[in-house]
Amino acid sequence: MLATVVAYDLYLESLKLIDGFLATMTGLFEPISSVLFGMLFLQQILVPQALVGIILVVGAIMILNLPHHITAPVPSKPCQCTMPNQ
């Protein structure tokens, strides 16, 4: 539990140095880094489920970083709509 408190405190302190978007993007790499550190330091074996998870996380990061150029078409002239007679 102490490790969680320290990690969260470090995350909050990092927000003073970088913007929220960069902090969020960096936080998305946490599952990948935990798997890699587990393999390096704890001699854990990379199972297929973890590999699928890494691919999903990287895919989500790539989707979040796509440019947002989707806009609604703007009419060239004002609408000449009429209200139906009652």
PDB file of N, CA and C in Angstrom:
ATOM      1  N   MET A   1       0.823  -1.190   0.000  1.00  0.00           N
ATOM      2  CA  MET A   1       0.000   0.000   0.000  1.00  0.00           C
ATOM      3  C   MET A   1       0.868   1.256   0.000  1.00  0.00           C
ATOM      4  N   LEU A   2       2.000   1.199   0.671  1.00  0.00           N
ATOM      5  CA  LEU A   2       2.891   2.352   0.705  1.00  0.00           C
ATOM      6  C   LEU A   2       3.406   2.674  -0.696  1.00  0.00           C
ATOM      7  N   ALA A   3       3.661   1.642  -1.496  1.00  0.00           N
ATOM      8  CA  ALA A   3       4.143   1.874  -2.860  1.00  0.00           C
ATOM      9  C   ALA A   3       3.093   2.602  -3.689  1.00  0.00           C
ATOM     10  N   THR A   4       1.825   2.280  -3.480  1.00  0.00           N
ATOM     11  CA  THR A   4       0.749   2.948  -4.211  1.00  0.00           C
ATOM     12  C   THR A   4       0.669   4.419  -3.822  1.00  0.00           C
ATOM     13  N   VAL A   5       0.803   4.706  -2.547  1.00  0.00           N
ATOM     14  CA  VAL A   5       0.756   6.092  -2.069  1.00  0.00           C
ATOM     15  C   VAL A   5       1.924   6.884  -2.639  1.00  0.00           C
ATOM     16  N   VAL A   6       3.107   6.289  -2.633  1.00  0.00           N
ATOM     17  CA  VAL A   6       4.286   6.972  -3.156  1.00  0.00           C
ATOM     18  C   VAL A   6       4.135   7.209  -4.661  1.00  0.00           C
ATOM     19  N   ALA A   7       3.666   6.203  -5.395  1.00  0.00           N
ATOM     20  CA  ALA A   7       3.493   6.353  -6.838  1.00  0.00           C
ATOM     21  C   ALA A   7       2.471   7.441  -7.159  1.00  0.00           C
ATOM     22  N   TYR A   8       1.371   7.465  -6.426  1.00  0.00           N
ATOM     23  CA  TYR A   8       0.347   8.485  -6.671  1.00  0.00           C
ATOM     24  C   TYR A   8       0.868   9.875  -6.321  1.00  0.00           C
ATOM     25  N   ASP A   9       1.622   9.988  -5.243  1.00  0.00           N
ATOM     26  CA  ASP A   9       2.198  11.277  -4.861  1.00  0.00           C
ATOM     27  C   ASP A   9       3.188  11.762  -5.921  1.00  0.00           C
ATOM     28  N   LEU A  10       4.008  10.863  -6.446  1.00  0.00           N
ATOM     29  CA  LEU A  10       4.933  11.243  -7.505  1.00  0.00           C
ATOM     30  C   LEU A  10       4.184  11.679  -8.765  1.00  0.00           C
ATOM     31  N   TYR A  11       3.075  11.020  -9.065  1.00  0.00           N
ATOM     32  CA  TYR A  11       2.252  11.412 -10.216  1.00  0.00           C
ATOM     33  C   TYR A  11       1.712  12.831 -10.022  1.00  0.00           C
ATOM     34  N   LEU A  12       1.194  13.115  -8.835  1.00  0.00           N
ATOM     35  CA  LEU A  12       0.662  14.457  -8.571  1.00  0.00           C
ATOM     36  C   LEU A  12       1.755  15.520  -8.632  1.00  0.00           C
ATOM     37  N   GLU A  13       2.936  15.193  -8.139  1.00  0.00           N
ATOM     38  CA  GLU A  13       4.044  16.142  -8.203  1.00  0.00           C
ATOM     39  C   GLU A  13       4.489  16.369  -9.647  1.00  0.00           C
ATOM     40  N   SER A  14       4.385  15.331 -10.485  1.00  0.00           N
ATOM     41  CA  SER A  14       4.794  15.489 -11.880  1.00  0.00           C
ATOM     42  C   SER A  14       3.865  16.429 -12.630  1.00  0.00           C
ATOM     43  N   LEU A  15       2.628  16.552 -12.185  1.00  0.00           N
ATOM     44  CA  LEU A  15       1.690  17.458 -12.850  1.00  0.00           C
ATOM     45  C   LEU A  15       2.104  18.918 -12.704  1.00  0.00           C
ATOM     46  N   LYS A  16       2.945  19.200 -11.718  1.00  0.00           N
ATOM     47  CA  LYS A  16       3.460  20.561 -11.567  1.00  0.00           C
ATOM     48  C   LYS A  16       4.517  20.875 -12.623  1.00  0.00           C
ATOM     49  N   LEU A  17       5.146  19.828 -13.176  1.00  0.00           N
ATOM     50  CA  LEU A  17       6.234  20.022 -14.129  1.00  0.00           C
ATOM     51  C   LEU A  17       5.804  19.852 -15.584  1.00  0.00           C
ATOM     52  N   ILE A  18       4.799  19.008 -15.830  1.00  0.00           N
ATOM     53  CA  ILE A  18       4.345  18.765 -17.201  1.00  0.00           C
ATOM     54  C   ILE A  18       2.841  18.961 -17.268  1.00  0.00           C
ATOM     55  N   ASP A  19       2.309  19.075 -18.496  1.00  0.00           N
ATOM     56  CA  ASP A  19       0.865  19.278 -18.625  1.00  0.00           C
ATOM     57  C   ASP A  19       0.112  17.958 -18.435  1.00  0.00           C
ATOM     58  N   GLY A  20      -1.180  18.062 -18.262  1.00  0.00           N
ATOM     59  CA  GLY A  20      -2.014  16.903 -17.971  1.00  0.00           C
ATOM     60  C   GLY A  20      -2.042  15.880 -19.087  1.00  0.00           C
ATOM     61  N   PHE A  21      -2.024  16.337 -20.356  1.00  0.00           N
ATOM     62  CA  PHE A  21      -2.064  15.403 -21.479  1.00  0.00           C
ATOM     63  C   PHE A  21      -0.837  14.509 -21.489  1.00  0.00           C
ATOM     64  N   LEU A  22       0.343  15.105 -21.297  1.00  0.00           N
ATOM     65  CA  LEU A  22       1.572  14.320 -21.287  1.00  0.00           C
ATOM     66  C   LEU A  22       1.596  13.361 -20.102  1.00  0.00           C
ATOM     67  N   ALA A  23       1.089  13.800 -18.965  1.00  0.00           N
ATOM     68  CA  ALA A  23       1.034  12.925 -17.795  1.00  0.00           C
ATOM     69  C   ALA A  23       0.103  11.740 -18.049  1.00  0.00           C
ATOM     70  N   THR A  24      -1.017  11.993 -18.726  1.00  0.00           N
ATOM     71  CA  THR A  24      -1.954  10.912 -19.037  1.00  0.00           C
ATOM     72  C   THR A  24      -1.330   9.929 -20.014  1.00  0.00           C
ATOM     73  N   MET A  25      -0.681  10.449 -21.057  1.00  0.00           N
ATOM     74  CA  MET A  25      -0.037   9.565 -22.036  1.00  0.00           C
ATOM     75  C   MET A  25       1.051   8.727 -21.376  1.00  0.00           C
ATOM     76  N   THR A  26       1.821   9.340 -20.490  1.00  0.00           N
ATOM     77  CA  THR A  26       2.861   8.597 -19.778  1.00  0.00           C
ATOM     78  C   THR A  26       2.245   7.534 -18.873  1.00  0.00           C
ATOM     79  N   GLY A  27       1.134   7.872 -18.241  1.00  0.00           N
ATOM     80  CA  GLY A  27       0.456   6.914 -17.370  1.00  0.00           C
ATOM     81  C   GLY A  27      -0.093   5.718 -18.109  1.00  0.00           C
ATOM     82  N   LEU A  28      -0.395   5.893 -19.392  1.00  0.00           N
ATOM     83  CA  LEU A  28      -0.901   4.764 -20.172  1.00  0.00           C
ATOM     84  C   LEU A  28       0.165   3.696 -20.404  1.00  0.00           C
ATOM     85  N   PHE A  29       1.426   4.068 -20.274  1.00  0.00           N
ATOM     86  CA  PHE A  29       2.503   3.099 -20.462  1.00  0.00           C
ATOM     87  C   PHE A  29       2.789   2.291 -19.189  1.00  0.00           C
ATOM     88  N   GLU A  30       2.092   2.561 -18.117  1.00  0.00           N
ATOM     89  CA  GLU A  30       2.336   1.853 -16.853  1.00  0.00           C
ATOM     90  C   GLU A  30       2.148   0.347 -16.966  1.00  0.00           C
ATOM     91  N   PRO A  31       1.080  -0.152 -17.612  1.00  0.00           N
ATOM     92  CA  PRO A  31       0.957  -1.618 -17.719  1.00  0.00           C
ATOM     93  C   PRO A  31       2.110  -2.251 -18.499  1.00  0.00           C
ATOM     94  N   ILE A  32       2.573  -1.555 -19.527  1.00  0.00           N
ATOM     95  CA  ILE A  32       3.676  -2.101 -20.321  1.00  0.00           C
ATOM     96  C   ILE A  32       4.959  -2.123 -19.500  1.00  0.00           C
ATOM     97  N   SER A  33       5.223  -1.032 -18.795  1.00  0.00           N
ATOM     98  CA  SER A  33       6.453  -0.980 -18.010  1.00  0.00           C
ATOM     99  C   SER A  33       6.420  -1.990 -16.861  1.00  0.00           C
ATOM    100  N   SER A  34       5.257  -2.227 -16.276  1.00  0.00           N
ATOM    101  CA  SER A  34       5.199  -3.206 -15.181  1.00  0.00           C
ATOM    102  C   SER A  34       5.482  -4.610 -15.692  1.00  0.00           C
ATOM    103  N   VAL A  35       5.010  -4.946 -16.887  1.00  0.00           N
ATOM    104  CA  VAL A  35       5.313  -6.255 -17.470  1.00  0.00           C
ATOM    105  C   VAL A  35       6.810  -6.369 -17.761  1.00  0.00           C
ATOM    106  N   LEU A  36       7.386  -5.319 -18.349  1.00  0.00           N
ATOM    107  CA  LEU A  36       8.812  -5.370 -18.683  1.00  0.00           C
ATOM    108  C   LEU A  36       9.686  -5.446 -17.436  1.00  0.00           C
ATOM    109  N   PHE A  37       9.362  -4.654 -16.409  1.00  0.00           N
ATOM    110  CA  PHE A  37      10.127  -4.730 -15.166  1.00  0.00           C
ATOM    111  C   PHE A  37       9.959  -6.081 -14.484  1.00  0.00           C
ATOM    112  N   GLY A  38       8.770  -6.646 -14.558  1.00  0.00           N
ATOM    113  CA  GLY A  38       8.560  -7.986 -13.996  1.00  0.00           C
ATOM    114  C   GLY A  38       9.399  -9.026 -14.702  1.00  0.00           C
ATOM    115  N   MET A  39       9.518  -8.901 -16.024  1.00  0.00           N
ATOM    116  CA  MET A  39      10.346  -9.848 -16.776  1.00  0.00           C
ATOM    117  C   MET A  39      11.824  -9.672 -16.456  1.00  0.00           C
ATOM    118  N   LEU A  40      12.264  -8.405 -16.339  1.00  0.00           N
ATOM    119  CA  LEU A  40      13.678  -8.146 -16.116  1.00  0.00           C
ATOM    120  C   LEU A  40      14.137  -8.466 -14.691  1.00  0.00           C
ATOM    121  N   PHE A  41      13.357  -8.041 -13.714  1.00  0.00           N
ATOM    122  CA  PHE A  41      13.825  -8.134 -12.336  1.00  0.00           C
ATOM    123  C   PHE A  41      13.217  -9.286 -11.539  1.00  0.00           C
ATOM    124  N   LEU A  42      12.066  -9.777 -11.940  1.00  0.00           N
ATOM    125  CA  LEU A  42      11.410 -10.843 -11.182  1.00  0.00           C
ATOM    126  C   LEU A  42      11.367 -12.164 -11.933  1.00  0.00           C
ATOM    127  N   GLN A  43      12.017 -12.218 -13.078  1.00  0.00           N
ATOM    128  CA  GLN A  43      12.083 -13.403 -13.921  1.00  0.00           C
ATOM    129  C   GLN A  43      10.697 -13.968 -14.264  1.00  0.00           C
ATOM    130  N   GLN A  44       9.736 -13.080 -14.478  1.00  0.00           N
ATOM    131  CA  GLN A  44       8.414 -13.513 -14.901  1.00  0.00           C
ATOM    132  C   GLN A  44       8.454 -13.856 -16.384  1.00  0.00           C
ATOM    133  N   ILE A  45       7.534 -14.732 -16.785  1.00  0.00           N
ATOM    134  CA  ILE A  45       7.450 -15.156 -18.181  1.00  0.00           C
ATOM    135  C   ILE A  45       6.340 -14.367 -18.861  1.00  0.00           C
ATOM    136  N   LEU A  46       6.615 -13.909 -20.077  1.00  0.00           N
ATOM    137  CA  LEU A  46       5.618 -13.165 -20.846  1.00  0.00           C
ATOM    138  C   LEU A  46       4.605 -14.157 -21.409  1.00  0.00           C
ATOM    139  N   VAL A  47       3.387 -14.096 -20.897  1.00  0.00           N
ATOM    140  CA  VAL A  47       2.320 -14.989 -21.360  1.00  0.00           C
ATOM    141  C   VAL A  47       1.569 -14.306 -22.500  1.00  0.00           C
ATOM    142  N   PRO A  48       0.884 -15.080 -23.346  1.00  0.00           N
ATOM    143  CA  PRO A  48       0.172 -14.487 -24.479  1.00  0.00           C
ATOM    144  C   PRO A  48      -0.851 -13.423 -24.077  1.00  0.00           C
ATOM    145  N   GLN A  49      -1.494 -13.579 -22.928  1.00  0.00           N
ATOM    146  CA  GLN A  49      -2.481 -12.596 -22.485  1.00  0.00           C
ATOM    147  C   GLN A  49      -1.826 -11.247 -22.222  1.00  0.00           C
ATOM    148  N   ALA A  50      -0.640 -11.251 -21.659  1.00  0.00           N
ATOM    149  CA  ALA A  50       0.078  -9.999 -21.409  1.00  0.00           C
ATOM    150  C   ALA A  50       0.490  -9.350 -22.721  1.00  0.00           C
ATOM    151  N   LEU A  51       0.887 -10.157 -23.687  1.00  0.00           N
ATOM    152  CA  LEU A  51       1.263  -9.623 -24.994  1.00  0.00           C
ATOM    153  C   LEU A  51       0.063  -8.980 -25.678  1.00  0.00           C
ATOM    154  N   VAL A  52      -1.101  -9.618 -25.591  1.00  0.00           N
ATOM    155  CA  VAL A  52      -2.327  -9.030 -26.149  1.00  0.00           C
ATOM    156  C   VAL A  52      -2.648  -7.716 -25.439  1.00  0.00           C
ATOM    157  N   GLY A  53      -2.479  -7.677 -24.134  1.00  0.00           N
ATOM    158  CA  GLY A  53      -2.722  -6.450 -23.378  1.00  0.00           C
ATOM    159  C   GLY A  53      -1.789  -5.327 -23.798  1.00  0.00           C
ATOM    160  N   ILE A  54      -0.523  -5.649 -24.012  1.00  0.00           N
ATOM    161  CA  ILE A  54       0.436  -4.639 -24.456  1.00  0.00           C
ATOM    162  C   ILE A  54       0.026  -4.095 -25.814  1.00  0.00           C
ATOM    163  N   ILE A  55      -0.391  -4.978 -26.715  1.00  0.00           N
ATOM    164  CA  ILE A  55      -0.819  -4.542 -28.048  1.00  0.00           C
ATOM    165  C   ILE A  55      -2.049  -3.651 -27.952  1.00  0.00           C
ATOM    166  N   LEU A  56      -2.992  -3.987 -27.081  1.00  0.00           N
ATOM    167  CA  LEU A  56      -4.191  -3.159 -26.918  1.00  0.00           C
ATOM    168  C   LEU A  56      -3.849  -1.782 -26.349  1.00  0.00           C
ATOM    169  N   VAL A  57      -2.949  -1.735 -25.386  1.00  0.00           N
ATOM    170  CA  VAL A  57      -2.572  -0.451 -24.793  1.00  0.00           C
ATOM    171  C   VAL A  57      -1.871   0.423 -25.822  1.00  0.00           C
ATOM    172  N   VAL A  58      -0.925  -0.152 -26.567  1.00  0.00           N
ATOM    173  CA  VAL A  58      -0.224   0.624 -27.593  1.00  0.00           C
ATOM    174  C   VAL A  58      -1.202   1.082 -28.673  1.00  0.00           C
ATOM    175  N   GLY A  59      -2.152   0.222 -29.042  1.00  0.00           N
ATOM    176  CA  GLY A  59      -3.165   0.619 -30.015  1.00  0.00           C
ATOM    177  C   GLY A  59      -4.021   1.767 -29.518  1.00  0.00           C
ATOM    178  N   ALA A  60      -4.407   1.723 -28.251  1.00  0.00           N
ATOM    179  CA  ALA A  60      -5.210   2.810 -27.681  1.00  0.00           C
ATOM    180  C   ALA A  60      -4.427   4.113 -27.652  1.00  0.00           C
ATOM    181  N   ILE A  61      -3.139   4.034 -27.326  1.00  0.00           N
ATOM    182  CA  ILE A  61      -2.309   5.238 -27.314  1.00  0.00           C
ATOM    183  C   ILE A  61      -2.213   5.818 -28.711  1.00  0.00           C
ATOM    184  N   MET A  62      -2.060   4.959 -29.705  1.00  0.00           N
ATOM    185  CA  MET A  62      -1.970   5.445 -31.083  1.00  0.00           C
ATOM    186  C   MET A  62      -3.291   6.092 -31.523  1.00  0.00           C
ATOM    187  N   ILE A  63      -4.413   5.508 -31.139  1.00  0.00           N
ATOM    188  CA  ILE A  63      -5.717   6.077 -31.499  1.00  0.00           C
ATOM    189  C   ILE A  63      -5.904   7.434 -30.824  1.00  0.00           C
ATOM    190  N   LEU A  64      -5.502   7.554 -29.565  1.00  0.00           N
ATOM    191  CA  LEU A  64      -5.641   8.823 -28.857  1.00  0.00           C
ATOM    192  C   LEU A  64      -4.776   9.924 -29.470  1.00  0.00           C
ATOM    193  N   ASN A  65      -3.689   9.546 -30.113  1.00  0.00           N
ATOM    194  CA  ASN A  65      -2.797  10.541 -30.698  1.00  0.00           C
ATOM    195  C   ASN A  65      -3.102  10.858 -32.147  1.00  0.00           C
ATOM    196  N   LEU A  66      -4.158  10.259 -32.715  1.00  0.00           N
ATOM    197  CA  LEU A  66      -4.534  10.603 -34.080  1.00  0.00           C
ATOM    198  C   LEU A  66      -5.016  12.042 -34.127  1.00  0.00           C
ATOM    199  N   PRO A  67      -4.744  12.738 -35.230  1.00  0.00           N
ATOM    200  CA  PRO A  67      -5.237  14.119 -35.331  1.00  0.00           C
ATOM    201  C   PRO A  67      -6.755  14.145 -35.418  1.00  0.00           C
ATOM    202  N   HIS A  68      -7.342  15.158 -34.830  1.00  0.00           N
ATOM    203  CA  HIS A  68      -8.797  15.297 -34.796  1.00  0.00           C
ATOM    204  C   HIS A  68      -9.224  16.287 -35.868  1.00  0.00           C
ATOM    205  N   HIS A  69      -9.341  15.812 -37.121  1.00  0.00           N
ATOM    206  CA  HIS A  69      -9.719  16.680 -38.230  1.00  0.00           C
ATOM    207  C   HIS A  69     -11.150  16.426 -38.678  1.00  0.00           C
ATOM    208  N   ILE A  70     -11.914  15.745 -37.896  1.00  0.00           N
ATOM    209  CA  ILE A  70     -13.287  15.446 -38.266  1.00  0.00           C
ATOM    210  C   ILE A  70     -14.162  16.625 -37.855  1.00  0.00           C
ATOM    211  N   THR A  71     -14.726  17.296 -38.833  1.00  0.00           N
ATOM    212  CA  THR A  71     -15.590  18.434 -38.553  1.00  0.00           C
ATOM    213  C   THR A  71     -16.872  18.296 -39.347  1.00  0.00           C
ATOM    214  N   ALA A  72     -17.898  18.921 -38.888  1.00  0.00           N
ATOM    215  CA  ALA A  72     -19.182  18.910 -39.595  1.00  0.00           C
ATOM    216  C   ALA A  72     -19.100  19.880 -40.771  1.00  0.00           C
ATOM    217  N   PRO A  73     -19.766  19.537 -41.873  1.00  0.00           N
ATOM    218  CA  PRO A  73     -19.728  20.469 -43.006  1.00  0.00           C
ATOM    219  C   PRO A  73     -20.437  21.773 -42.664  1.00  0.00           C
ATOM    220  N   VAL A  74     -19.878  22.855 -43.139  1.00  0.00           N
ATOM    221  CA  VAL A  74     -20.443  24.179 -42.896  1.00  0.00           C
ATOM    222  C   VAL A  74     -21.244  24.579 -44.135  1.00  0.00           C
ATOM    223  N   PRO A  75     -22.515  24.930 -43.970  1.00  0.00           N
ATOM    224  CA  PRO A  75     -23.300  25.325 -45.151  1.00  0.00           C
ATOM    225  C   PRO A  75     -22.760  26.614 -45.761  1.00  0.00           C
ATOM    226  N   SER A  76     -22.821  26.698 -47.095  1.00  0.00           N
ATOM    227  CA  SER A  76     -22.289  27.869 -47.766  1.00  0.00           C
ATOM    228  C   SER A  76     -23.232  29.061 -47.689  1.00  0.00           C
ATOM    229  N   LYS A  77     -24.526  28.813 -47.515  1.00  0.00           N
ATOM    230  CA  LYS A  77     -25.476  29.920 -47.368  1.00  0.00           C
ATOM    231  C   LYS A  77     -26.467  29.564 -46.264  1.00  0.00           C
ATOM    232  N   PRO A  78     -27.109  30.526 -45.672  1.00  0.00           N
ATOM    233  CA  PRO A  78     -28.030  30.244 -44.567  1.00  0.00           C
ATOM    234  C   PRO A  78     -29.198  29.389 -45.031  1.00  0.00           C
ATOM    235  N   CYS A  79     -29.720  28.651 -44.109  1.00  0.00           N
ATOM    236  CA  CYS A  79     -30.857  27.781 -44.394  1.00  0.00           C
ATOM    237  C   CYS A  79     -32.088  28.635 -44.675  1.00  0.00           C
ATOM    238  N   GLN A  80     -32.818  28.302 -45.714  1.00  0.00           N
ATOM    239  CA  GLN A  80     -34.043  29.033 -46.092  1.00  0.00           C
ATOM    240  C   GLN A  80     -35.252  28.196 -45.743  1.00  0.00           C
ATOM    241  N   CYS A  81     -35.244  27.673 -44.538  1.00  0.00           N
ATOM    242  CA  CYS A  81     -36.325  26.792 -44.099  1.00  0.00           C
ATOM    243  C   CYS A  81     -37.575  27.613 -43.774  1.00  0.00           C
ATOM    244  N   THR A  82     -38.715  27.037 -44.044  1.00  0.00           N
ATOM    245  CA  THR A  82     -39.972  27.698 -43.699  1.00  0.00           C
ATOM    246  C   THR A  82     -40.739  26.818 -42.739  1.00  0.00           C
ATOM    247  N   MET A  83     -41.476  27.459 -41.866  1.00  0.00           N
ATOM    248  CA  MET A  83     -42.305  26.736 -40.905  1.00  0.00           C
ATOM    249  C   MET A  83     -43.604  26.330 -41.592  1.00  0.00           C
ATOM    250  N   PRO A  84     -44.083  25.133 -41.329  1.00  0.00           N
ATOM    251  CA  PRO A  84     -45.352  24.722 -41.927  1.00  0.00           C
ATOM    252  C   PRO A  84     -46.509  25.581 -41.384  1.00  0.00           C
ATOM    253  N   ASN A  85     -47.466  25.876 -42.236  1.00  0.00           N
ATOM    254  CA  ASN A  85     -48.629  26.662 -41.829  1.00  0.00           C
ATOM    255  C   ASN A  85     -49.523  25.811 -40.955  1.00  0.00           C
ATOM    256  N   GLN A  86     -50.064  26.433 -39.965  1.00  0.00           N
ATOM    257  CA  GLN A  86     -50.938  25.693 -39.048  1.00  0.00           C
ATOM    258  C   GLN A  86     -52.369  26.051 -39.267  1.00  0.00           C
TER     259      GLN A  86
END
